[in-house]
Protein backbone atom coordinates (compact mmCIF):
# COMPACT_ATOMS: atom_id res chain seq x y z
CA UNK A 1 95.36 -57.68 -78.13
CA UNK A 2 96.80 -60.08 -75.68
CA UNK A 3 100.16 -60.78 -77.59
CA UNK A 4 102.64 -58.53 -79.31
CA UNK A 5 102.79 -58.52 -82.94
CA UNK A 6 106.30 -59.31 -84.34
CA UNK A 7 108.53 -59.63 -87.56
CA UNK A 8 107.07 -62.10 -89.81
CA UNK A 9 109.22 -64.19 -92.14
CA UNK A 10 108.12 -64.56 -96.03
CA UNK A 11 105.63 -67.26 -95.95
CA UNK A 12 105.07 -67.22 -92.14
CA UNK A 13 101.95 -66.77 -89.87
CA UNK A 14 101.40 -65.06 -86.66
CA UNK A 15 98.18 -65.66 -84.37
CA UNK A 16 96.83 -62.55 -82.77
CA UNK A 17 94.92 -63.06 -79.67
CA UNK A 18 91.88 -60.64 -78.97
CA UNK A 19 90.12 -60.32 -75.68
CA UNK A 20 86.78 -58.82 -75.22
CA UNK A 21 85.24 -57.68 -72.00
CA UNK A 22 82.18 -55.36 -72.28
CA UNK A 23 80.75 -53.45 -69.26
CA UNK A 24 77.14 -53.42 -70.68
CA UNK A 25 74.74 -55.55 -72.50
CA UNK A 26 75.02 -54.13 -76.00
CA UNK A 27 76.97 -54.58 -79.11
CA UNK A 28 80.31 -53.32 -79.78
CA UNK A 29 82.26 -52.27 -83.03
CA UNK A 30 85.87 -51.48 -83.44
CA UNK A 31 88.37 -51.44 -86.41
CA UNK A 32 91.80 -53.00 -85.82
CA UNK A 33 94.73 -51.76 -88.02
CA UNK A 34 97.59 -53.83 -88.78
CA UNK A 35 100.21 -51.76 -90.56
CA UNK A 36 103.36 -52.62 -92.39
CA UNK A 37 105.78 -50.33 -94.15
CA UNK A 38 103.76 -50.89 -97.82
CA UNK A 39 100.22 -51.87 -96.55
CA UNK A 40 97.93 -51.62 -93.90
CA UNK A 41 94.85 -54.02 -93.15
CA UNK A 42 91.88 -53.16 -91.57
CA UNK A 43 89.78 -55.63 -89.64
CA UNK A 44 86.41 -54.98 -88.37
CA UNK A 45 85.71 -56.26 -84.81
CA UNK A 46 82.16 -57.02 -83.35
CA UNK A 47 81.50 -58.17 -79.94
CA UNK A 48 77.97 -58.49 -77.99
CA UNK A 49 77.60 -58.18 -74.21
CA UNK A 50 75.20 -60.55 -72.71
CA UNK A 51 73.86 -60.24 -69.28
CA UNK A 52 74.02 -63.47 -67.36
CA UNK A 53 70.47 -64.30 -66.26
CA UNK A 54 69.35 -67.07 -64.12
CA UNK A 55 65.87 -68.03 -62.76
CA UNK A 56 64.71 -69.98 -60.01
CA UNK A 57 61.40 -72.19 -59.42
CA UNK A 58 60.75 -70.42 -56.14
CA UNK A 59 58.00 -68.23 -56.04
CA UNK A 60 57.88 -65.08 -54.22
CA UNK A 61 61.55 -65.70 -53.04
CA UNK A 62 60.42 -68.06 -50.08
CA UNK A 63 60.80 -71.68 -50.12
CA UNK A 64 58.90 -73.84 -47.32
CA UNK A 65 60.57 -76.75 -46.46
CA UNK A 66 57.60 -78.09 -44.72
CA UNK A 67 57.05 -79.83 -41.45
CA UNK A 68 59.31 -82.51 -40.06
CA UNK A 69 59.61 -84.55 -36.99
CA UNK A 70 62.70 -84.03 -34.77
CA UNK A 71 65.83 -85.79 -35.82
CA UNK A 72 64.29 -86.87 -39.36
CA UNK A 73 65.23 -85.41 -42.74
CA UNK A 74 62.91 -83.52 -44.89
CA UNK A 75 64.12 -83.00 -48.63
CA UNK A 76 62.70 -80.34 -50.88
CA UNK A 77 64.13 -79.54 -54.78
CA UNK A 78 63.76 -76.56 -56.61
CA UNK A 79 65.41 -75.69 -60.30
CA UNK A 80 67.73 -73.07 -61.51
CA UNK A 81 67.49 -72.14 -65.06
CA UNK A 82 70.33 -70.34 -67.21
CA UNK A 83 68.10 -68.44 -69.77
CA UNK A 84 71.10 -66.54 -70.99
CA UNK A 85 73.33 -67.24 -74.30
CA UNK A 86 76.58 -68.20 -71.94
CA UNK A 87 77.52 -70.95 -69.42
CA UNK A 88 77.10 -69.51 -65.75
CA UNK A 89 79.19 -70.36 -62.64
CA UNK A 90 76.86 -70.23 -59.56
CA UNK A 91 77.67 -70.41 -55.66
CA UNK A 92 75.11 -70.99 -52.95
CA UNK A 93 75.85 -69.32 -49.84
CA UNK A 94 73.66 -69.58 -46.70
CA UNK A 95 73.34 -66.84 -44.23
CA UNK A 96 73.75 -69.15 -41.28
CA UNK A 97 77.25 -70.28 -42.41
CA UNK A 98 78.40 -66.70 -43.01
CA UNK A 99 81.24 -65.34 -40.86
CA UNK A 100 79.38 -62.08 -40.65
CA UNK A 101 76.29 -63.80 -39.04
CA UNK A 102 77.09 -62.58 -35.68
CA UNK A 103 77.79 -59.05 -36.51
CA UNK A 104 74.57 -58.85 -38.46
CA UNK A 105 72.38 -60.43 -35.49
CA UNK A 106 73.39 -57.44 -33.32
CA UNK A 107 70.12 -55.46 -33.95
CA UNK A 108 67.00 -54.68 -31.89
CA UNK A 109 64.76 -58.03 -31.58
CA UNK A 110 61.75 -58.12 -34.04
CA UNK A 111 59.39 -59.06 -31.40
CA UNK A 112 59.70 -55.48 -29.94
CA UNK A 113 56.58 -53.68 -31.93
CA UNK A 114 57.78 -50.42 -32.11
CA UNK A 115 61.40 -51.87 -34.14
CA UNK A 116 59.70 -54.57 -35.91
CA UNK A 117 59.75 -52.64 -39.19
CA UNK A 118 63.22 -51.18 -39.53
CA UNK A 119 64.99 -52.38 -42.26
CA UNK A 120 68.33 -53.18 -40.22
CA UNK A 121 65.99 -55.26 -38.02
CA UNK A 122 64.30 -57.38 -40.80
CA UNK A 123 67.66 -58.17 -42.44
CA UNK A 124 68.31 -60.69 -39.85
CA UNK A 125 66.39 -63.97 -40.85
CA UNK A 126 68.18 -66.82 -39.44
CA UNK A 127 66.37 -69.02 -37.02
CA UNK A 128 67.41 -71.23 -34.35
CA UNK A 129 70.43 -73.67 -34.50
CA UNK A 130 70.55 -77.29 -33.90
CA UNK A 131 71.69 -78.27 -30.29
CA UNK A 132 74.12 -80.75 -31.87
CA UNK A 133 76.12 -78.26 -34.11
CA UNK A 134 75.39 -79.57 -37.52
CA UNK A 135 73.54 -77.48 -39.98
CA UNK A 136 69.71 -77.40 -39.92
CA UNK A 137 69.56 -76.66 -43.82
CA UNK A 138 71.91 -77.78 -46.38
CA UNK A 139 72.10 -77.23 -50.27
CA UNK A 140 73.38 -79.75 -52.59
CA UNK A 141 75.15 -79.12 -55.19
CA UNK A 142 76.35 -75.72 -53.27
CA UNK A 143 78.55 -74.67 -56.53
CA UNK A 144 78.78 -75.51 -60.37
CA UNK A 145 78.18 -74.54 -63.68
CA UNK A 146 75.07 -74.29 -65.78
CA UNK A 147 75.25 -74.35 -69.69
CA UNK A 148 73.40 -71.89 -71.73
CA UNK A 149 69.86 -72.71 -71.93
CA UNK A 150 70.39 -75.70 -69.38
CA UNK A 151 68.62 -76.28 -66.10
CA UNK A 152 70.09 -77.68 -62.67
CA UNK A 153 67.96 -79.14 -59.85
CA UNK A 154 69.12 -78.32 -56.32
CA UNK A 155 68.35 -80.31 -53.11
CA UNK A 156 67.59 -78.76 -50.04
CA UNK A 157 67.83 -81.09 -46.79
CA UNK A 158 66.17 -79.95 -43.35
CA UNK A 159 67.39 -81.90 -40.81
CA UNK A 160 66.16 -80.29 -37.08
CA UNK A 161 67.10 -81.90 -33.64
CA UNK A 162 64.65 -79.93 -31.57
CA UNK A 163 60.98 -78.84 -31.81
CA UNK A 164 60.52 -75.16 -33.21
CA UNK A 165 58.37 -73.34 -35.31
CA UNK A 166 61.08 -70.63 -35.99
CA UNK A 167 63.70 -72.24 -38.28
CA UNK A 168 64.60 -69.97 -41.03
CA UNK A 169 67.59 -69.37 -43.25
CA UNK A 170 68.28 -67.02 -46.39
CA UNK A 171 70.13 -68.51 -49.39
CA UNK A 172 72.06 -66.10 -51.61
CA UNK A 173 72.68 -67.12 -55.23
CA UNK A 174 75.98 -65.61 -56.56
CA UNK A 175 77.04 -66.04 -60.02
CA UNK A 176 80.36 -65.49 -62.04
CA UNK A 177 82.25 -63.20 -60.11
CA UNK A 178 80.39 -62.92 -56.96
CA UNK A 179 77.31 -61.09 -58.35
CA UNK A 180 74.14 -61.68 -56.18
CA UNK A 181 71.46 -62.52 -58.53
CA UNK A 182 68.77 -64.10 -56.08
CA UNK A 183 68.10 -64.28 -52.49
CA UNK A 184 65.85 -66.92 -51.13
CA UNK A 185 64.41 -67.39 -47.66
CA UNK A 186 64.10 -70.96 -46.10
CA UNK A 187 61.82 -71.86 -43.68
CA UNK A 188 60.66 -75.04 -41.75
CA UNK A 189 58.93 -76.17 -38.52
CA UNK A 190 59.65 -79.20 -36.36
CA UNK A 191 57.50 -81.34 -34.47
CA UNK A 192 58.02 -83.45 -31.46
CA UNK A 193 55.29 -85.78 -32.73
CA UNK A 194 53.57 -87.17 -35.93
CA UNK A 195 50.69 -84.74 -35.84
CA UNK A 196 50.88 -81.06 -35.27
CA UNK A 197 48.24 -78.32 -34.79
CA UNK A 198 48.94 -74.83 -36.11
CA UNK A 199 46.96 -71.66 -35.71
CA UNK A 200 46.89 -70.49 -31.95
CA UNK A 201 47.59 -67.15 -30.59
CA UNK A 202 51.36 -66.07 -30.28
CA UNK A 203 52.10 -66.01 -26.57
CA UNK A 204 55.93 -65.95 -26.65
CA UNK A 205 58.46 -63.89 -28.73
CA UNK A 206 59.57 -64.94 -32.40
CA UNK A 207 62.97 -65.80 -31.09
CA UNK A 208 63.97 -69.01 -29.49
CA UNK A 209 66.27 -69.23 -26.36
CA UNK A 210 69.72 -70.74 -26.60
CA UNK A 211 68.67 -72.94 -23.49
CA UNK A 212 66.86 -76.16 -23.92
CA UNK A 213 63.23 -76.13 -22.73
CA UNK A 214 63.14 -78.32 -19.96
CA UNK A 215 59.33 -78.73 -20.25
CA UNK A 216 59.78 -81.01 -23.29
CA UNK A 217 60.41 -84.08 -21.39
CA UNK A 218 57.50 -86.45 -21.32
CA UNK A 219 56.12 -88.19 -18.18
CA UNK A 220 55.83 -91.80 -19.03
CA UNK A 221 53.01 -92.15 -16.48
CA UNK A 222 51.05 -89.63 -18.07
CA UNK A 223 48.39 -91.07 -20.20
CA UNK A 224 47.94 -87.91 -22.62
CA UNK A 225 50.05 -84.93 -23.07
CA UNK A 226 48.22 -81.66 -22.13
CA UNK A 227 48.71 -78.36 -23.48
CA UNK A 228 46.95 -74.83 -23.04
CA UNK A 229 46.56 -72.65 -25.85
CA UNK A 230 44.53 -69.26 -26.55
CA UNK A 231 42.26 -68.56 -29.48
CA UNK A 232 41.13 -64.69 -29.75
CA UNK A 233 38.43 -63.70 -31.67
CA UNK A 234 37.44 -60.47 -32.89
CA UNK A 235 33.89 -59.46 -34.34
CA UNK A 236 32.76 -56.10 -36.06
CA UNK A 237 29.91 -54.24 -35.11
CA UNK A 238 28.10 -52.85 -38.10
CA UNK A 239 24.79 -51.06 -38.24
CA UNK A 240 23.17 -54.46 -39.59
CA UNK A 241 24.36 -56.17 -36.53
CA UNK A 242 27.64 -58.26 -35.65
CA UNK A 243 29.73 -59.86 -38.43
CA UNK A 244 31.21 -63.62 -37.62
CA UNK A 245 34.82 -63.69 -36.53
CA UNK A 246 36.79 -66.67 -38.06
CA UNK A 247 40.01 -68.29 -37.21
CA UNK A 248 41.53 -71.48 -38.97
CA UNK A 249 43.55 -74.36 -37.29
CA UNK A 250 45.76 -76.52 -39.15
CA UNK A 251 46.06 -80.18 -38.47
CA UNK A 252 48.99 -81.91 -40.09
CA UNK A 253 50.22 -85.41 -39.97
CA UNK A 254 53.56 -85.62 -40.92
CA UNK A 255 55.14 -88.43 -43.34
CA UNK A 256 58.07 -89.90 -41.74
CA UNK A 257 59.97 -93.45 -41.89
CA UNK A 258 59.78 -93.97 -38.24
CA UNK A 259 55.72 -93.70 -38.10
CA UNK A 260 53.80 -96.73 -36.99
CA UNK A 261 50.16 -95.34 -37.39
CA UNK A 262 48.52 -94.79 -41.05
CA UNK A 263 46.50 -92.04 -39.78
CA UNK A 264 45.24 -89.96 -36.89
CA UNK A 265 41.98 -88.71 -35.17
CA UNK A 266 40.90 -85.62 -33.82
CA UNK A 267 37.70 -84.33 -32.04
CA UNK A 268 36.33 -81.70 -29.83
CA UNK A 269 34.97 -82.71 -26.26
CA UNK A 270 31.71 -81.18 -24.95
CA UNK A 271 31.45 -78.04 -26.80
CA UNK A 272 28.22 -77.24 -25.54
CA UNK A 273 29.15 -74.10 -23.40
CA UNK A 274 31.23 -72.96 -26.49
CA UNK A 275 28.45 -73.09 -28.65
CA UNK A 276 26.00 -71.08 -26.12
CA UNK A 277 28.24 -68.25 -26.39
CA UNK A 278 28.46 -68.51 -30.10
CA UNK A 279 31.53 -70.39 -30.82
CA UNK A 280 31.45 -73.37 -33.71
CA UNK A 281 33.88 -75.58 -34.95
CA UNK A 282 33.65 -77.38 -38.43
CA UNK A 283 34.44 -80.41 -38.47
CA UNK A 284 33.75 -81.34 -35.21
CA UNK A 285 35.67 -84.81 -35.62
CA UNK A 286 37.64 -86.22 -38.58
CA UNK A 287 40.60 -88.25 -39.30
CA UNK A 288 43.90 -87.29 -40.66
CA UNK A 289 45.91 -89.51 -43.20
CA UNK A 290 49.69 -89.61 -43.37
CA UNK A 291 51.21 -86.57 -45.34
CA UNK A 292 48.21 -84.77 -45.26
CA UNK A 293 46.82 -81.05 -43.86
CA UNK A 294 43.10 -80.58 -42.75
CA UNK A 295 41.81 -77.34 -41.87
CA UNK A 296 39.44 -76.81 -38.91
CA UNK A 297 37.37 -73.62 -39.33
CA UNK A 298 36.66 -72.14 -36.06
CA UNK A 299 33.90 -69.04 -35.87
CA UNK A 300 32.49 -66.64 -33.39
CA UNK A 301 29.15 -64.94 -34.00
CA UNK A 302 28.03 -63.02 -30.85
CA UNK A 303 24.31 -64.40 -29.80
CA UNK A 304 21.37 -62.07 -29.96
CA UNK A 305 21.36 -59.23 -27.18
CA UNK A 306 25.32 -59.57 -26.57
CA UNK A 307 26.65 -56.59 -24.83
CA UNK A 308 29.51 -55.36 -27.02
CA UNK A 309 31.41 -53.82 -24.09
CA UNK A 310 31.81 -57.20 -22.34
CA UNK A 311 34.25 -59.74 -23.69
CA UNK A 312 33.42 -63.40 -24.04
CA UNK A 313 35.51 -65.81 -22.22
CA UNK A 314 34.99 -69.79 -22.28
CA UNK A 315 37.03 -73.07 -23.16
CA UNK A 316 36.78 -76.35 -25.00
CA UNK A 317 39.02 -79.38 -25.22
CA UNK A 318 40.46 -80.69 -28.49
CA UNK A 319 41.86 -84.34 -28.43
CA UNK A 320 44.46 -85.50 -31.11
CA UNK A 321 45.22 -89.36 -31.15
CA UNK A 322 48.22 -90.40 -33.13
CA UNK A 323 51.31 -92.06 -32.09
CA UNK A 324 50.55 -90.07 -28.74
CA UNK A 325 47.46 -88.93 -27.40
CA UNK A 326 47.52 -84.61 -27.03
CA UNK A 327 44.53 -82.86 -25.22
CA UNK A 328 44.35 -79.13 -26.02
CA UNK A 329 42.54 -76.93 -23.53
CA UNK A 330 41.73 -74.07 -26.05
CA UNK A 331 41.00 -70.60 -23.91
CA UNK A 332 38.45 -68.89 -26.35
CA UNK A 333 38.03 -65.20 -26.12
CA UNK A 334 35.73 -62.94 -28.19
CA UNK A 335 35.77 -59.29 -28.44
CA UNK A 336 33.65 -56.72 -30.19
CA UNK A 337 35.47 -53.95 -32.30
CA UNK A 338 34.44 -51.33 -34.58
CA UNK A 339 34.48 -52.04 -38.29
CA UNK A 340 37.49 -50.08 -39.64
CA UNK A 341 35.86 -49.37 -42.73
CA UNK A 342 32.86 -47.77 -40.79
CA UNK A 343 35.12 -46.08 -38.39
CA UNK A 344 36.79 -44.41 -41.30
CA UNK A 345 33.51 -43.40 -42.84
CA UNK A 346 32.43 -42.01 -39.47
CA UNK A 347 35.77 -39.88 -39.33
CA UNK A 348 35.02 -38.39 -43.06
CA UNK A 349 31.62 -37.52 -42.08
CA UNK A 350 32.32 -35.67 -38.86
CA UNK A 351 35.28 -33.93 -40.91
CA UNK A 352 32.67 -32.90 -43.33
CA UNK A 353 30.16 -31.59 -40.70
CA UNK A 354 33.17 -29.53 -39.04
CA UNK A 355 34.13 -28.10 -42.40
CA UNK A 356 30.47 -27.02 -43.34
CA UNK A 357 29.97 -25.44 -39.60
CA UNK A 358 33.16 -23.44 -40.03
CA UNK A 359 31.87 -22.25 -43.49
CA UNK A 360 28.68 -21.01 -41.82
CA UNK A 361 30.25 -19.29 -39.26
């Protein structure tokens, strides 16, 4: 009861204001007694506690913003639905804008293998920032109210100002009184040119330096940009022979308002030496339309008579022609390892044999 009772004159009325604040999602019953000198009025009160429920159209808690050109903007949307019986106020908070960002970053780096599985290491997911100081990722509208049974569309913009495959942020969805209902990881990648190639071996830590890379400056006199990359294959040795190792390269063409070409082409140059050592590429050459991603399947099957103790090393050249021509010198490396399932079976057989020998002795 929020207001006090008072003396009522004949034929007068008084409005009683009641409040209901449940602490659990269940039904509540109470009896309110209003007494006077000659009579008592009993009023049954009933209330139902409802848990605010909000759902997101994001699968797995990760929203991939895709690939963007440097200094361009990519827009992605997702929906928030209020499936409860009451309206819900929400607030979207990005970890990159949190005043606690610096303190959360004081953890061991994730690229150190002994520490990459620690909970305190994995909780920091914010990637590199823009050099110009503007936010890389933004959500609009960041706060508002969703009525019962209604849905609201949220727009996420991704605006990087330098190339990186490590852009990431974490968005917390807080409802009503600051209760955290969902957490979504936002990831994106930025490239200097319209066409990109992914899938190489990681040769650098998954943490970007704050110092701009001076090697990104292009030489105008150079006709084609050249890069050296590594692709490692691990084939398993089984009693039946060697199993084929497979790696997949993703070649994508970014849709942008600044693009001038409608498609791009790629092809492998002189892969004869690589083919002789068991390496194959499918397709050898093809075109990639704007806004399309294409997979290139790279396989290595050790040739007959191959010595499993000797690694195979060779190279080939991949040329990509788009707004600029890029040549990738691919260093190919093939290794023979033991099949994990076969190794496990061998260990079990050895344990059984040792146990049998001990029992006989």
